[in-house]
Amino acid sequence: MKKVILAAALVAAVFGRNSFAQTDTTSVFNNVASSYLDLKNALTNDDGDSAAAYAGQLFDALKEMPPDSLASQHAAWANHHQKLSREAMQIKNANDVDTQREHFKKLSVDMYAMLKSLQINNTVLYYDYCPMAKAYWVSEKQTIVNPYLGQSMPTCGSVKDTLKANK
């Protein structure tokens, strides 16, 4: 009887920990995605100060991801994490919106690659392209609101891919 109780407790502990790790990972990942989207939205409004602040939040959120919780996806996370962190810091430290947008181009390509490889986003996201800026971005809206051309051409672009929610 003691062995059965011990085995049940062990199973509960393992599954409970995995459930907590998954929830924690999802929560942190959602913070990363949310910070990215806030940054994107600041750029659509030509707001460099807010973009810098959100880039700082993104950088901090990226540091919070527990890499051990990603198991088989750890290598993919490590590769994207480094690139995303570097570009977030460049945007945070940039002195003007144009420089922020140049770094946002790289950040967006890496964000999309991470989203595609990890597949843990909890909402539908869209991968958009602007031919004028020759650049992509990830959006929470199907309607185009361009972060590269801001208020001068807010609807320039098209949806290139849809990332389904993985609940």
Protein backbone atom coordinates (compact mmCIF):
# COMPACT_ATOMS: atom_id res chain seq x y z
CA MET A 1 0.00 0.00 0.00
CA LYS A 2 2.85 2.39 0.81
CA LYS A 3 4.35 1.78 -2.66
CA VAL A 4 1.04 2.63 -4.36
CA ILE A 5 0.70 5.86 -2.36
CA LEU A 6 4.33 6.75 -3.05
CA ALA A 7 3.89 6.05 -6.77
CA ALA A 8 0.69 8.14 -6.88
CA ALA A 9 2.43 11.00 -5.08
CA LEU A 10 5.37 10.81 -7.49
CA VAL A 11 3.08 10.86 -10.54
CA ALA A 12 1.13 13.80 -9.10
CA ALA A 13 4.34 15.70 -8.40
CA VAL A 14 5.69 15.13 -11.92
CA PHE A 15 2.45 16.07 -13.67
CA GLY A 16 1.85 18.97 -11.32
CA ARG A 17 5.32 20.36 -11.99
CA ASN A 18 4.94 20.00 -15.74
CA SER A 19 1.56 21.73 -15.60
CA PHE A 20 3.03 24.59 -13.56
CA ALA A 21 6.05 24.83 -15.88
CA GLN A 22 3.77 24.92 -18.92
CA THR A 23 1.61 27.63 -17.34
CA ASP A 24 4.68 29.61 -16.31
CA THR A 25 6.21 29.24 -19.78
CA THR A 26 2.98 30.28 -21.46
CA SER A 27 2.63 33.28 -19.16
CA VAL A 28 6.18 34.46 -19.81
CA PHE A 29 5.82 33.81 -23.54
CA ASN A 30 2.63 35.87 -23.57
CA ASN A 31 4.54 38.71 -21.88
CA VAL A 32 7.17 38.51 -24.63
CA ALA A 33 4.50 38.60 -27.36
CA SER A 34 2.56 41.38 -25.64
CA SER A 35 5.67 43.55 -25.26
CA TYR A 36 6.53 43.00 -28.93
CA LEU A 37 2.99 43.99 -29.99
CA ASP A 38 3.08 47.09 -27.76
CA LEU A 39 6.38 48.06 -29.38
CA LYS A 40 4.91 47.51 -32.85
CA ASN A 41 1.88 49.65 -31.98
CA ALA A 42 4.09 52.47 -30.67
CA LEU A 43 5.95 52.49 -33.98
CA THR A 44 2.65 52.65 -35.90
CA ASN A 45 1.99 55.87 -33.98
CA ASP A 46 5.49 57.27 -34.67
CA ASP A 47 6.07 57.26 -30.90
CA GLY A 48 9.79 56.63 -30.34
CA ASP A 49 9.68 57.19 -26.59
CA SER A 50 7.00 54.55 -26.07
CA ALA A 51 8.76 52.23 -28.52
CA ALA A 52 11.94 52.49 -26.44
CA ALA A 53 10.01 51.76 -23.24
CA TYR A 54 8.27 48.72 -24.75
CA ALA A 55 11.57 47.48 -26.17
CA GLY A 56 12.92 47.60 -22.62
CA GLN A 57 9.91 45.60 -21.41
CA LEU A 58 10.49 43.09 -24.20
CA PHE A 59 14.14 42.75 -23.21
CA ASP A 60 13.12 42.12 -19.59
CA ALA A 61 10.40 39.64 -20.58
CA LEU A 62 12.88 37.68 -22.69
CA LYS A 63 15.13 37.26 -19.64
CA GLU A 64 12.23 35.71 -17.68
CA MET A 65 11.65 32.71 -19.98
CA PRO A 66 12.66 29.53 -18.13
CA PRO A 67 14.65 27.68 -20.85
CA ASP A 68 14.37 24.32 -19.11
CA SER A 69 10.60 24.43 -19.51
CA LEU A 70 10.92 24.31 -23.30
CA ALA A 71 12.47 20.82 -23.32
CA SER A 72 12.92 19.81 -26.97
CA GLN A 73 12.56 23.41 -28.15
CA HIS A 74 15.39 24.70 -25.97
CA ALA A 75 17.88 25.08 -28.86
CA ALA A 76 15.37 27.02 -30.95
CA TRP A 77 14.54 29.28 -28.00
CA ALA A 78 18.22 29.92 -27.24
CA ASN A 79 18.88 30.94 -30.84
CA HIS A 80 15.89 33.29 -31.04
CA HIS A 81 16.32 34.63 -27.51
CA GLN A 82 19.78 35.98 -28.24
CA LYS A 83 18.73 37.71 -31.47
CA LEU A 84 15.53 39.12 -30.00
CA SER A 85 17.33 40.42 -26.92
CA ARG A 86 20.00 42.14 -29.02
CA GLU A 87 17.48 43.91 -31.25
CA ALA A 88 15.24 44.88 -28.32
CA MET A 89 18.21 46.53 -26.63
CA GLN A 90 19.14 48.34 -29.87
CA ILE A 91 15.59 49.70 -30.16
CA LYS A 92 15.56 50.73 -26.52
CA ASN A 93 18.82 52.66 -26.93
CA ALA A 94 18.06 54.20 -30.34
CA ASN A 95 17.75 57.97 -30.51
CA ASP A 96 15.16 58.19 -33.28
CA VAL A 97 12.17 56.31 -34.71
CA ASP A 98 13.89 55.58 -38.04
CA THR A 99 16.72 53.73 -36.28
CA GLN A 100 14.20 51.91 -34.10
CA ARG A 101 12.35 50.79 -37.21
CA GLU A 102 15.53 49.45 -38.80
CA HIS A 103 16.14 47.25 -35.76
CA PHE A 104 12.45 46.35 -35.63
CA LYS A 105 12.85 44.76 -39.08
CA LYS A 106 15.34 42.22 -37.70
CA LEU A 107 13.38 41.81 -34.48
CA SER A 108 10.20 41.01 -36.42
CA VAL A 109 11.81 38.34 -38.59
CA ASP A 110 13.19 36.66 -35.48
CA MET A 111 9.90 37.01 -33.60
CA TYR A 112 8.06 35.30 -36.44
CA ALA A 113 10.65 32.53 -36.61
CA MET A 114 10.32 31.98 -32.85
CA LEU A 115 6.53 31.94 -33.02
CA LYS A 116 6.59 29.42 -35.87
CA SER A 117 9.08 27.12 -34.15
CA LEU A 118 7.67 27.19 -30.60
CA GLN A 119 3.97 27.28 -31.50
CA ILE A 120 2.82 28.38 -28.05
CA ASN A 121 1.02 31.63 -28.87
CA ASN A 122 -2.46 31.70 -27.34
CA THR A 123 -4.06 34.06 -29.87
CA VAL A 124 -4.18 34.24 -33.64
CA LEU A 125 -1.34 36.36 -35.00
CA TYR A 126 -0.61 37.64 -38.49
CA TYR A 127 2.67 37.99 -40.33
CA ASP A 128 2.47 41.11 -42.47
CA TYR A 129 4.68 42.58 -45.19
CA CYS A 130 5.23 46.13 -46.38
CA PRO A 131 6.63 46.35 -49.95
CA MET A 132 7.58 50.00 -49.51
CA ALA A 133 9.77 49.28 -46.46
CA LYS A 134 10.66 45.78 -47.70
CA ALA A 135 9.95 44.54 -44.18
CA TYR A 136 7.78 42.14 -42.21
CA TRP A 137 6.09 42.38 -38.81
CA VAL A 138 3.82 40.33 -36.56
CA SER A 139 0.40 41.73 -35.71
CA GLU A 140 -2.53 40.83 -33.51
CA LYS A 141 -4.92 42.32 -36.10
CA GLN A 142 -5.75 41.16 -39.59
CA THR A 143 -6.21 44.80 -40.63
CA ILE A 144 -2.91 46.34 -41.75
CA VAL A 145 -1.49 49.04 -39.49
CA ASN A 146 2.07 49.57 -40.68
CA PRO A 147 4.82 50.17 -38.07
CA TYR A 148 7.44 51.12 -40.69
CA LEU A 149 5.59 53.94 -42.41
CA GLY A 150 3.61 54.98 -39.36
CA GLN A 151 1.05 57.70 -39.83
CA SER A 152 2.31 58.60 -43.33
CA MET A 153 1.06 55.31 -44.91
CA PRO A 154 -0.61 53.26 -42.18
CA THR A 155 -2.36 50.76 -44.45
CA CYS A 156 0.53 49.85 -46.73
CA GLY A 157 1.10 46.10 -46.67
CA SER A 158 -0.61 42.72 -46.70
CA VAL A 159 -0.98 39.61 -44.56
CA LYS A 160 1.48 36.90 -45.63
CA ASP A 161 0.79 34.22 -43.00
CA THR A 162 -1.61 33.46 -40.19
CA LEU A 163 -0.32 31.85 -37.00
CA LYS A 164 -3.15 29.95 -35.39
CA ALA A 165 -3.62 30.02 -31.63
CA ASN A 166 -2.25 26.97 -29.85
CA LYS A 167 -4.31 26.55 -26.73
